[in-house]
C-alpha atoms as a PDB file:
ATOM      1  CA  MET A   1     103.480 114.225 115.004  1.00  0.00           C
ATOM      2  CA  ASP A   2     100.938 111.962 116.923  1.00  0.00           C
ATOM      3  CA  LEU A   3     101.932 111.756 120.358  1.00  0.00           C
ATOM      4  CA  SER A   4     104.137 113.899 122.718  1.00  0.00           C
ATOM      5  CA  VAL A   5     105.041 112.064 125.920  1.00  0.00           C
ATOM      6  CA  ILE A   6     106.005 114.513 128.756  1.00  0.00           C
ATOM      7  CA  ILE A   7     107.402 113.003 131.962  1.00  0.00           C
ATOM      8  CA  LEU A   8     108.061 115.066 134.827  1.00  0.00           C
ATOM      9  CA  ASN A   9     111.135 113.967 137.019  1.00  0.00           C
ATOM     10  CA  TRP A  10     112.364 115.163 140.502  1.00  0.00           C
ATOM     11  CA  ASN A  11     115.302 113.051 142.029  1.00  0.00           C
ATOM     12  CA  THR A  12     114.165 109.538 140.398  1.00  0.00           C
ATOM     13  CA  ARG A  13     116.818 109.079 137.884  1.00  0.00           C
ATOM     14  CA  ASP A  14     116.735 105.338 138.234  1.00  0.00           C
ATOM     15  CA  LEU A  15     113.147 104.902 137.770  1.00  0.00           C
ATOM     16  CA  LEU A  16     113.413 107.639 134.673  1.00  0.00           C
ATOM     17  CA  ARG A  17     115.919 105.593 133.040  1.00  0.00           C
ATOM     18  CA  ASN A  18     113.706 102.550 133.679  1.00  0.00           C
ATOM     19  CA  SER A  19     110.693 104.424 132.077  1.00  0.00           C
ATOM     20  CA  LEU A  20     112.477 105.837 129.055  1.00  0.00           C
ATOM     21  CA  ASN A  21     114.072 102.373 128.122  1.00  0.00           C
ATOM     22  CA  SER A  22     110.401 101.143 128.271  1.00  0.00           C
ATOM     23  CA  ILE A  23     109.173 103.683 125.911  1.00  0.00           C
ATOM     24  CA  LEU A  24     112.291 103.836 123.313  1.00  0.00           C
ATOM     25  CA  HIS A  25     113.636 100.465 123.738  1.00  0.00           C
ATOM     26  CA  PRO A  26     110.829  98.227 124.532  1.00  0.00           C
ATOM     27  CA  ASP A  27     111.702  94.854 125.918  1.00  0.00           C
ATOM     28  CA  PRO A  28     109.990  91.823 123.603  1.00  0.00           C
ATOM     29  CA  SER A  29     109.653  89.229 126.131  1.00  0.00           C
ATOM     30  CA  LYS A  30     107.121  91.576 128.278  1.00  0.00           C
ATOM     31  CA  PRO A  31     103.270  91.167 127.820  1.00  0.00           C
ATOM     32  CA  VAL A  32     101.972  93.431 124.689  1.00  0.00           C
ATOM     33  CA  SER A  33      98.984  95.736 124.205  1.00  0.00           C
ATOM     34  CA  PRO A  34      96.816  95.076 121.665  1.00  0.00           C
ATOM     35  CA  PRO A  35      98.360  95.655 118.287  1.00  0.00           C
ATOM     36  CA  GLY A  36      97.186  98.926 116.084  1.00  0.00           C
ATOM     37  CA  PRO A  37      99.146 100.976 113.853  1.00  0.00           C
ATOM     38  CA  SER A  38     102.493 102.632 114.925  1.00  0.00           C
ATOM     39  CA  ALA A  39     102.172 106.048 116.356  1.00  0.00           C
ATOM     40  CA  ASP A  40     104.739 108.756 115.629  1.00  0.00           C
ATOM     41  CA  ILE A  41     106.235 109.411 119.266  1.00  0.00           C
ATOM     42  CA  GLU A  42     108.356 112.069 120.781  1.00  0.00           C
ATOM     43  CA  VAL A  43     109.704 111.928 124.362  1.00  0.00           C
ATOM     44  CA  LEU A  44     110.240 115.020 126.509  1.00  0.00           C
ATOM     45  CA  VAL A  45     111.425 115.119 129.989  1.00  0.00           C
ATOM     46  CA  VAL A  46     111.036 118.067 132.687  1.00  0.00           C
ATOM     47  CA  ASP A  47     113.485 117.967 135.405  1.00  0.00           C
ATOM     48  CA  ASN A  48     112.365 119.831 138.273  1.00  0.00           C
ATOM     49  CA  ALA A  49     115.456 120.883 139.899  1.00  0.00           C
ATOM     50  CA  SER A  50     116.728 117.449 140.521  1.00  0.00           C
ATOM     51  CA  SER A  51     120.189 116.999 142.530  1.00  0.00           C
ATOM     52  CA  ASP A  52     120.508 113.166 141.442  1.00  0.00           C
ATOM     53  CA  ASP A  53     122.339 113.521 138.178  1.00  0.00           C
ATOM     54  CA  SER A  54     119.072 112.873 136.231  1.00  0.00           C
ATOM     55  CA  ARG A  55     119.758 115.630 133.907  1.00  0.00           C
ATOM     56  CA  GLU A  56     123.311 114.372 132.944  1.00  0.00           C
ATOM     57  CA  MET A  57     121.774 110.568 132.748  1.00  0.00           C
ATOM     58  CA  VAL A  58     119.188 111.972 130.173  1.00  0.00           C
ATOM     59  CA  LYS A  59     121.586 113.891 127.833  1.00  0.00           C
ATOM     60  CA  ARG A  60     124.157 110.762 128.258  1.00  0.00           C
ATOM     61  CA  GLU A  61     121.963 107.855 127.630  1.00  0.00           C
ATOM     62  CA  PHE A  62     119.102 109.316 125.732  1.00  0.00           C
ATOM     63  CA  PRO A  63     120.206 112.152 123.302  1.00  0.00           C
ATOM     64  CA  GLY A  64     117.145 111.900 121.582  1.00  0.00           C
ATOM     65  CA  VAL A  65     114.992 113.100 124.322  1.00  0.00           C
ATOM     66  CA  LYS A  66     113.986 116.705 124.650  1.00  0.00           C
ATOM     67  CA  LEU A  67     115.317 118.015 128.372  1.00  0.00           C
ATOM     68  CA  VAL A  68     113.466 120.740 129.585  1.00  0.00           C
ATOM     69  CA  CYS A  69     115.097 122.014 132.754  1.00  0.00           C
ATOM     70  CA  SER A  70     113.610 123.914 135.260  1.00  0.00           C
ATOM     71  CA  PRO A  71     115.655 125.650 137.947  1.00  0.00           C
ATOM     72  CA  LEU A  72     113.242 125.284 140.707  1.00  0.00           C
ATOM     73  CA  ASN A  73     111.010 122.571 141.747  1.00  0.00           C
ATOM     74  CA  VAL A  74     107.781 124.200 140.528  1.00  0.00           C
ATOM     75  CA  GLY A  75     105.537 121.391 141.308  1.00  0.00           C
ATOM     76  CA  PHE A  76     103.660 118.887 139.135  1.00  0.00           C
ATOM     77  CA  GLY A  77     101.293 120.670 136.967  1.00  0.00           C
ATOM     78  CA  ALA A  78     103.518 123.666 136.373  1.00  0.00           C
ATOM     79  CA  GLY A  79     106.356 121.430 135.752  1.00  0.00           C
ATOM     80  CA  ASN A  80     104.343 119.347 133.302  1.00  0.00           C
ATOM     81  CA  ASN A  81     103.222 122.715 131.567  1.00  0.00           C
ATOM     82  CA  LEU A  82     106.781 123.790 130.922  1.00  0.00           C
ATOM     83  CA  ALA A  83     107.200 120.977 128.045  1.00  0.00           C
ATOM     84  CA  LEU A  84     104.047 122.034 126.009  1.00  0.00           C
ATOM     85  CA  GLU A  85     105.826 124.641 124.110  1.00  0.00           C
ATOM     86  CA  HIS A  86     108.229 122.038 123.163  1.00  0.00           C
ATOM     87  CA  ALA A  87     105.573 119.211 122.373  1.00  0.00           C
ATOM     88  CA  GLY A  88     104.382 118.834 118.497  1.00  0.00           C
ATOM     89  CA  GLY A  89     101.960 116.035 118.819  1.00  0.00           C
ATOM     90  CA  ARG A  90      98.230 115.810 118.208  1.00  0.00           C
ATOM     91  CA  TYR A  91      98.068 114.169 121.778  1.00  0.00           C
ATOM     92  CA  VAL A  92      99.883 114.724 124.982  1.00  0.00           C
ATOM     93  CA  LEU A  93     100.557 111.941 127.399  1.00  0.00           C
ATOM     94  CA  PHE A  94     101.707 113.150 130.904  1.00  0.00           C
ATOM     95  CA  LEU A  95     103.361 110.327 132.264  1.00  0.00           C
ATOM     96  CA  ASN A  96     104.970 109.915 135.648  1.00  0.00           C
ATOM     97  CA  SER A  97     108.842 109.184 135.799  1.00  0.00           C
ATOM     98  CA  ASP A  98     107.850 105.841 138.228  1.00  0.00           C
ATOM     99  CA  THR A  99     106.140 103.999 135.068  1.00  0.00           C
ATOM    100  CA  GLU A 100     106.985 101.310 133.043  1.00  0.00           C
ATOM    101  CA  VAL A 101     105.127 101.239 129.609  1.00  0.00           C
ATOM    102  CA  VAL A 102     104.182  98.133 127.946  1.00  0.00           C
ATOM    103  CA  PRO A 103     104.773  97.441 124.568  1.00  0.00           C
ATOM    104  CA  GLY A 104     102.340  98.915 122.327  1.00  0.00           C
ATOM    105  CA  ALA A 105     100.528 100.467 125.158  1.00  0.00           C
ATOM    106  CA  LEU A 106     101.018 104.101 123.499  1.00  0.00           C
ATOM    107  CA  ASP A 107     100.217 103.178 119.886  1.00  0.00           C
ATOM    108  CA  ALA A 108      96.747 101.458 121.395  1.00  0.00           C
ATOM    109  CA  LEU A 109      96.068 104.805 123.276  1.00  0.00           C
ATOM    110  CA  VAL A 110      96.657 107.080 119.882  1.00  0.00           C
ATOM    111  CA  HIS A 111      94.646 104.445 117.755  1.00  0.00           C
ATOM    112  CA  PHE A 112      91.595 104.336 120.441  1.00  0.00           C
ATOM    113  CA  ALA A 113      91.397 108.213 120.552  1.00  0.00           C
ATOM    114  CA  ASP A 114      91.707 108.615 116.693  1.00  0.00           C
ATOM    115  CA  ALA A 115      88.787 106.307 116.551  1.00  0.00           C
ATOM    116  CA  ASN A 116      86.609 108.071 119.171  1.00  0.00           C
ATOM    117  CA  GLN A 117      86.980 111.739 118.118  1.00  0.00           C
ATOM    118  CA  ASP A 118      84.702 112.690 121.322  1.00  0.00           C
ATOM    119  CA  ILE A 119      87.489 111.545 123.788  1.00  0.00           C
ATOM    120  CA  GLY A 120      89.177 114.442 125.411  1.00  0.00           C
ATOM    121  CA  VAL A 121      91.107 112.626 127.824  1.00  0.00           C
ATOM    122  CA  LEU A 122      92.037 108.996 128.100  1.00  0.00           C
ATOM    123  CA  GLY A 123      93.779 106.926 130.607  1.00  0.00           C
ATOM    124  CA  PRO A 124      95.373 103.600 130.455  1.00  0.00           C
ATOM    125  CA  LYS A 125      94.868 100.723 132.816  1.00  0.00           C
ATOM    126  CA  LEU A 126      97.418 101.201 135.363  1.00  0.00           C
ATOM    127  CA  LEU A 127      99.124  98.046 137.468  1.00  0.00           C
ATOM    128  CA  ASN A 128     101.070  98.175 140.664  1.00  0.00           C
ATOM    129  CA  GLY A 129     104.457  96.520 140.275  1.00  0.00           C
ATOM    130  CA  ASP A 130     103.265  93.123 141.254  1.00  0.00           C
ATOM    131  CA  GLY A 131     100.420  93.075 138.461  1.00  0.00           C
ATOM    132  CA  SER A 132      97.703  94.186 140.772  1.00  0.00           C
ATOM    133  CA  LEU A 133      95.463  96.373 139.562  1.00  0.00           C
ATOM    134  CA  GLN A 134      95.545 100.511 140.686  1.00  0.00           C
ATOM    135  CA  TYR A 135      92.213 102.093 140.959  1.00  0.00           C
ATOM    136  CA  SER A 136      93.413 104.934 138.537  1.00  0.00           C
ATOM    137  CA  CYS A 137      89.695 105.897 137.109  1.00  0.00           C
ATOM    138  CA  ARG A 138      87.466 107.276 139.761  1.00  0.00           C
ATOM    139  CA  SER A 139      84.584 109.355 140.484  1.00  0.00           C
ATOM    140  CA  TYR A 140      84.560 112.770 141.893  1.00  0.00           C
ATOM    141  CA  PRO A 141      85.384 113.242 145.573  1.00  0.00           C
ATOM    142  CA  ASN A 142      82.490 114.247 147.603  1.00  0.00           C
ATOM    143  CA  LEU A 143      81.537 114.777 151.564  1.00  0.00           C
ATOM    144  CA  GLY A 144      80.991 111.027 152.180  1.00  0.00           C
ATOM    145  CA  THR A 145      84.639 110.604 150.427  1.00  0.00           C
ATOM    146  CA  GLY A 146      86.184 113.020 152.802  1.00  0.00           C
ATOM    147  CA  PHE A 147      84.820 110.994 155.765  1.00  0.00           C
ATOM    148  CA  PHE A 148      85.587 107.527 154.779  1.00  0.00           C
ATOM    149  CA  ARG A 149      88.721 107.606 152.625  1.00  0.00           C
ATOM    150  CA  ASN A 150      91.681 106.611 154.168  1.00  0.00           C
ATOM    151  CA  THR A 151      90.062 107.779 157.693  1.00  0.00           C
ATOM    152  CA  PRO A 152      89.610 105.730 160.980  1.00  0.00           C
ATOM    153  CA  LEU A 153      86.081 105.727 159.944  1.00  0.00           C
ATOM    154  CA  GLY A 154      86.769 104.182 156.545  1.00  0.00           C
ATOM    155  CA  ARG A 155      88.987 101.568 158.078  1.00  0.00           C
ATOM    156  CA  LEU A 156      86.331 100.780 160.816  1.00  0.00           C
ATOM    157  CA  PHE A 157      83.641 100.334 157.643  1.00  0.00           C
ATOM    158  CA  PRO A 158      85.865  99.129 154.737  1.00  0.00           C
ATOM    159  CA  LYS A 159      83.201  98.304 152.434  1.00  0.00           C
ATOM    160  CA  ASN A 160      81.272 101.545 152.691  1.00  0.00           C
ATOM    161  CA  SER A 161      79.838 102.685 149.710  1.00  0.00           C
ATOM    162  CA  PHE A 162      81.255 106.184 149.646  1.00  0.00           C
ATOM    163  CA  THR A 163      84.946 104.807 149.214  1.00  0.00           C
ATOM    164  CA  ASN A 164      83.741 102.127 146.719  1.00  0.00           C
ATOM    165  CA  ASP A 165      81.788 104.438 144.453  1.00  0.00           C
ATOM    166  CA  TYR A 166      84.594 106.688 144.457  1.00  0.00           C
ATOM    167  CA  LEU A 167      87.265 104.115 143.397  1.00  0.00           C
ATOM    168  CA  LEU A 168      84.533 102.335 141.302  1.00  0.00           C
ATOM    169  CA  THR A 169      85.638  99.168 142.816  1.00  0.00           C
ATOM    170  CA  SER A 170      82.391  97.406 141.313  1.00  0.00           C
ATOM    171  CA  TYR A 171      83.708  98.040 137.685  1.00  0.00           C
ATOM    172  CA  ASP A 172      85.560  95.232 136.422  1.00  0.00           C
ATOM    173  CA  HIS A 173      88.054  97.345 134.484  1.00  0.00           C
ATOM    174  CA  LEU A 174      88.241  95.204 131.668  1.00  0.00           C
ATOM    175  CA  THR A 175      86.101  96.989 129.097  1.00  0.00           C
ATOM    176  CA  PRO A 176      86.494 100.657 128.101  1.00  0.00           C
ATOM    177  CA  ARG A 177      84.321 103.172 130.036  1.00  0.00           C
ATOM    178  CA  ASP A 178      83.684 106.802 130.606  1.00  0.00           C
ATOM    179  CA  VAL A 179      84.599 108.046 134.107  1.00  0.00           C
ATOM    180  CA  ASP A 180      84.791 111.175 135.933  1.00  0.00           C
ATOM    181  CA  TRP A 181      88.594 111.239 135.850  1.00  0.00           C
ATOM    182  CA  VAL A 182      91.606 109.571 135.395  1.00  0.00           C
ATOM    183  CA  SER A 183      94.958 109.521 137.322  1.00  0.00           C
ATOM    184  CA  GLY A 184      97.834 112.124 136.005  1.00  0.00           C
ATOM    185  CA  ALA A 185     100.406 109.256 136.548  1.00  0.00           C
ATOM    186  CA  ALA A 186      99.344 108.551 132.762  1.00  0.00           C
ATOM    187  CA  LEU A 187      96.907 110.820 131.452  1.00  0.00           C
ATOM    188  CA  MET A 188      96.534 111.667 127.508  1.00  0.00           C
ATOM    189  CA  MET A 189      94.720 114.444 126.240  1.00  0.00           C
ATOM    190  CA  ARG A 190      93.962 116.295 123.138  1.00  0.00           C
ATOM    191  CA  ARG A 191      96.117 119.280 122.233  1.00  0.00           C
ATOM    192  CA  SER A 192      93.415 121.004 120.733  1.00  0.00           C
ATOM    193  CA  ILE A 193      91.683 120.777 123.989  1.00  0.00           C
ATOM    194  CA  ILE A 194      94.874 122.258 125.894  1.00  0.00           C
ATOM    195  CA  ASP A 195      95.118 124.716 123.256  1.00  0.00           C
ATOM    196  CA  GLU A 196      91.544 125.788 124.122  1.00  0.00           C
ATOM    197  CA  ILE A 197      91.560 125.519 128.036  1.00  0.00           C
ATOM    198  CA  GLY A 198      94.915 125.109 129.154  1.00  0.00           C
ATOM    199  CA  ALA A 199      96.584 122.131 130.990  1.00  0.00           C
ATOM    200  CA  PHE A 200      96.911 121.626 134.382  1.00  0.00           C
ATOM    201  CA  ASP A 201      96.230 124.747 136.819  1.00  0.00           C
ATOM    202  CA  GLU A 202      99.462 125.800 138.428  1.00  0.00           C
ATOM    203  CA  GLU A 203      97.894 126.723 141.635  1.00  0.00           C
ATOM    204  CA  TYR A 204      98.100 123.204 142.814  1.00  0.00           C
ATOM    205  CA  PHE A 205     101.656 122.269 143.580  1.00  0.00           C
ATOM    206  CA  MET A 206     100.866 118.586 143.682  1.00  0.00           C
ATOM    207  CA  PHE A 207      97.865 116.347 144.020  1.00  0.00           C
ATOM    208  CA  CYS A 208      94.290 116.689 142.621  1.00  0.00           C
ATOM    209  CA  GLU A 209      95.594 118.676 139.725  1.00  0.00           C
ATOM    210  CA  ASP A 210      94.406 115.592 137.349  1.00  0.00           C
ATOM    211  CA  VAL A 211      90.896 115.831 138.992  1.00  0.00           C
ATOM    212  CA  ASP A 212      90.726 119.317 138.308  1.00  0.00           C
ATOM    213  CA  LEU A 213      91.693 119.149 134.787  1.00  0.00           C
ATOM    214  CA  CYS A 214      89.189 116.194 133.970  1.00  0.00           C
ATOM    215  CA  TYR A 215      86.645 118.254 135.807  1.00  0.00           C
ATOM    216  CA  ARG A 216      87.350 121.024 133.220  1.00  0.00           C
ATOM    217  CA  VAL A 217      87.236 118.803 130.222  1.00  0.00           C
ATOM    218  CA  ASN A 218      83.950 117.124 131.537  1.00  0.00           C
ATOM    219  CA  HIS A 219      82.245 120.189 131.865  1.00  0.00           C
ATOM    220  CA  LEU A 220      83.703 121.760 128.333  1.00  0.00           C
ATOM    221  CA  THR A 221      80.974 121.826 125.577  1.00  0.00           C
ATOM    222  CA  ASN A 222      82.170 123.414 122.528  1.00  0.00           C
ATOM    223  CA  SER A 223      80.822 126.441 121.233  1.00  0.00           C
ATOM    224  CA  GLY A 224      78.863 126.653 117.897  1.00  0.00           C
ATOM    225  CA  SER A 225      75.923 125.014 116.526  1.00  0.00           C
ATOM    226  CA  THR A 226      74.893 122.970 113.381  1.00  0.00           C
ATOM    227  CA  SER A 227      72.230 124.186 110.846  1.00  0.00           C
ATOM    228  CA  ASN A 228      69.652 122.190 112.939  1.00  0.00           C
ATOM    229  CA  GLY A 229      70.477 124.016 116.193  1.00  0.00           C
ATOM    230  CA  ALA A 230      72.671 120.782 117.543  1.00  0.00           C
ATOM    231  CA  ASP A 231      75.965 121.512 119.154  1.00  0.00           C
ATOM    232  CA  ALA A 232      78.966 121.474 116.596  1.00  0.00           C
ATOM    233  CA  ASN A 233      80.764 119.203 118.783  1.00  0.00           C
ATOM    234  CA  PRO A 234      79.395 117.050 121.985  1.00  0.00           C
ATOM    235  CA  THR A 235      81.056 117.451 125.317  1.00  0.00           C
ATOM    236  CA  TRP A 236      84.060 115.800 125.475  1.00  0.00           C
ATOM    237  CA  ARG A 237      84.445 112.554 127.422  1.00  0.00           C
ATOM    238  CA  VAL A 238      86.795 111.613 129.922  1.00  0.00           C
ATOM    239  CA  THR A 239      87.398 107.798 129.138  1.00  0.00           C
ATOM    240  CA  TYR A 240      89.676 104.724 130.738  1.00  0.00           C
ATOM    241  CA  TYR A 241      90.903 102.384 128.162  1.00  0.00           C
ATOM    242  CA  PRO A 242      91.999  99.303 129.857  1.00  0.00           C
ATOM    243  CA  ASP A 243      93.740  97.636 126.526  1.00  0.00           C
ATOM    244  CA  SER A 244      96.375 100.032 127.059  1.00  0.00           C
ATOM    245  CA  ILE A 245      98.603  98.989 129.966  1.00  0.00           C
ATOM    246  CA  ILE A 246     101.321 100.810 132.032  1.00  0.00           C
ATOM    247  CA  TYR A 247     103.008  99.854 135.265  1.00  0.00           C
ATOM    248  CA  HIS A 248     102.938 102.199 137.829  1.00  0.00           C
ATOM    249  CA  LEU A 249     105.175 102.443 141.095  1.00  0.00           C
ATOM    250  CA  ILE A 250     103.118 104.617 143.249  1.00  0.00           C
ATOM    251  CA  GLY A 251     104.807 107.171 145.705  1.00  0.00           C
ATOM    252  CA  LYS A 252     108.390 106.904 144.568  1.00  0.00           C
ATOM    253  CA  SER A 253     108.914 110.569 144.184  1.00  0.00           C
ATOM    254  CA  THR A 254     106.460 111.719 147.015  1.00  0.00           C
ATOM    255  CA  ASP A 255     108.068 109.132 149.622  1.00  0.00           C
ATOM    256  CA  LEU A 256     111.287 111.537 149.348  1.00  0.00           C
ATOM    257  CA  ALA A 257     109.034 114.387 151.262  1.00  0.00           C
ATOM    258  CA  PRO A 258     106.119 112.793 153.121  1.00  0.00           C
ATOM    259  CA  THR A 259     105.431 115.568 155.543  1.00  0.00           C
ATOM    260  CA  ARG A 260     105.499 118.204 152.731  1.00  0.00           C
ATOM    261  CA  MET A 261     103.353 115.979 150.458  1.00  0.00           C
ATOM    262  CA  THR A 262     100.859 115.544 153.116  1.00  0.00           C
ATOM    263  CA  TYR A 263     100.438 119.252 153.538  1.00  0.00           C
ATOM    264  CA  GLU A 264     100.319 119.716 149.743  1.00  0.00           C
ATOM    265  CA  PHE A 265      97.921 116.815 149.194  1.00  0.00           C
ATOM    266  CA  HIS A 266      95.366 118.546 151.654  1.00  0.00           C
ATOM    267  CA  ARG A 267      96.016 121.913 150.328  1.00  0.00           C
ATOM    268  CA  SER A 268      94.827 120.661 147.004  1.00  0.00           C
ATOM    269  CA  GLN A 269      92.068 119.001 148.340  1.00  0.00           C
ATOM    270  CA  TYR A 270      90.659 122.491 149.244  1.00  0.00           C
ATOM    271  CA  LEU A 271      91.530 124.521 146.315  1.00  0.00           C
ATOM    272  CA  PHE A 272      89.694 121.670 144.389  1.00  0.00           C
ATOM    273  CA  TYR A 273      86.549 122.222 146.920  1.00  0.00           C
ATOM    274  CA  LYS A 274      86.871 126.012 146.721  1.00  0.00           C
ATOM    275  CA  LYS A 275      87.056 126.047 142.877  1.00  0.00           C
ATOM    276  CA  HIS A 276      84.404 123.484 142.141  1.00  0.00           C
ATOM    277  CA  TYR A 277      81.703 122.851 144.918  1.00  0.00           C
ATOM    278  CA  ALA A 278      82.264 126.076 147.291  1.00  0.00           C
ATOM    279  CA  ALA A 279      79.506 127.974 145.354  1.00  0.00           C
ATOM    280  CA  THR A 280      77.030 125.152 145.722  1.00  0.00           C
ATOM    281  CA  THR A 281      77.595 124.079 149.240  1.00  0.00           C
ATOM    282  CA  PRO A 282      75.047 124.345 151.809  1.00  0.00           C
ATOM    283  CA  VAL A 283      75.948 127.429 154.186  1.00  0.00           C
ATOM    284  CA  LEU A 284      76.122 125.208 157.307  1.00  0.00           C
ATOM    285  CA  LEU A 285      78.485 123.108 155.624  1.00  0.00           C
ATOM    286  CA  LYS A 286      80.746 125.561 154.517  1.00  0.00           C
ATOM    287  CA  PRO A 287      82.860 126.043 157.809  1.00  0.00           C
ATOM    288  CA  ILE A 288      82.856 122.404 158.523  1.00  0.00           C
ATOM    289  CA  ILE A 289      84.577 121.065 155.138  1.00  0.00           C
ATOM    290  CA  PRO A 290      87.747 123.342 155.547  1.00  0.00           C
ATOM    291  CA  LEU A 291      88.101 122.300 159.159  1.00  0.00           C
ATOM    292  CA  GLY A 292      87.648 118.566 158.293  1.00  0.00           C
ATOM    293  CA  ILE A 293      90.326 118.637 155.557  1.00  0.00           C
ATOM    294  CA  ALA A 294      92.962 120.385 158.154  1.00  0.00           C
ATOM    295  CA  MET A 295      91.850 117.881 160.699  1.00  0.00           C
ATOM    296  CA  ARG A 296      92.761 115.278 158.268  1.00  0.00           C
ATOM    297  CA  ALA A 297      95.916 116.770 157.680  1.00  0.00           C
ATOM    298  CA  VAL A 298      97.125 117.210 161.119  1.00  0.00           C
ATOM    299  CA  GLY A 299      96.209 113.626 161.943  1.00  0.00           C
ATOM    300  CA  LYS A 300      98.135 111.966 158.952  1.00  0.00           C
ATOM    301  CA  MET A 301     101.299 114.231 159.710  1.00  0.00           C
ATOM    302  CA  ALA A 302     100.859 113.182 163.401  1.00  0.00           C
ATOM    303  CA  ARG A 303     100.810 109.573 162.613  1.00  0.00           C
ATOM    304  CA  TYR A 304     103.700 109.538 160.229  1.00  0.00           C
ATOM    305  CA  ARG A 305     105.835 111.554 162.993  1.00  0.00           C
ATOM    306  CA  LEU A 306     105.074 108.911 165.376  1.00  0.00           C
ATOM    307  CA  ARG A 307     105.815 106.167 163.204  1.00  0.00           C
ATOM    308  CA  ARG A 308     109.049 107.942 162.591  1.00  0.00           C
ATOM    309  CA  LEU A 309     109.530 108.471 166.219  1.00  0.00           C
ATOM    310  CA  GLN A 310     109.145 104.651 166.718  1.00  0.00           C
ATOM    311  CA  ARG A 311     111.869 103.769 164.180  1.00  0.00           C
ATOM    312  CA  VAL A 312     114.252 105.850 165.849  1.00  0.00           C
ATOM    313  CA  ILE A 313     113.541 104.162 169.218  1.00  0.00           C
ATOM    314  CA  MET A 314     113.630 100.957 167.894  1.00  0.00           C
ATOM    315  CA  ARG A 315     117.133 101.613 166.055  1.00  0.00           C
ATOM    316  CA  SER A 316     118.560 102.930 169.331  1.00  0.00           C
ATOM    317  CA  GLU A 317     117.136  99.888 171.339  1.00  0.00           C
ATOM    318  CA  ARG A 318     119.071  97.604 168.840  1.00  0.00           C
ATOM    319  CA  VAL A 319     122.530  99.704 169.332  1.00  0.00           C
END
């Protein structure tokens, strides 16, 4: 088996159906990724305690798909990890349910990874529903990113270098490139590395688990040495591969619970900072960073509640 595709679902039945159809029943009229050898692919769906008939739909319409059911919504990382014991591929692709795979995209990923044996994680090009580019490969976040990314300061200075460097906006996204991390909406990983270091850290309920995973892979050098003293295997690469194209409708699951997701996003930011950056953070900055993350979370939740209140008032005035 070449590739195990794991799709995590939570109350996105119709989007899940569309995603499965794009893999199992590709539309010949759609644009095609560069042709390559056909990969042997299996598809697994993990349902995170949905209440919208998702499980029954999969059983009824896609009997060849392996369905793994969780009795609770255990989050993104833990949900994806549930399927690993049922996956038999040399590669594992973690794929969001709000995606549509372009014909040939999965074959192209496997073919490129086979041709580049030092790639540990591979991400395709992600496009929005209208065909515009998603910045799905990025640099690691830093203090400047926290000040300028999706903040009033960033809106005041939209062309700041911190955001541009984080999103890699100067990169044309047309040729393969090694990057710090790729989006977990469509992230392919060698099974051998999963067996060595694990997949997603389940301490993250949602968000930043893809950054954490790529960070761990990027900093993993296989042990052992050759006769001349060199490493037996080089450090694994995390690579963006734009010849494989997948459409991604951002936020269709998270929009179902925006307040909870805002909390989880900022909680995950803090967990990533604590796990990978805290030990090297200057002493004077250590109390500032958690405070800044908390203030961002409070501000975003306040803006969301204000917008919701405005919509309620507008509806009442129309009545």
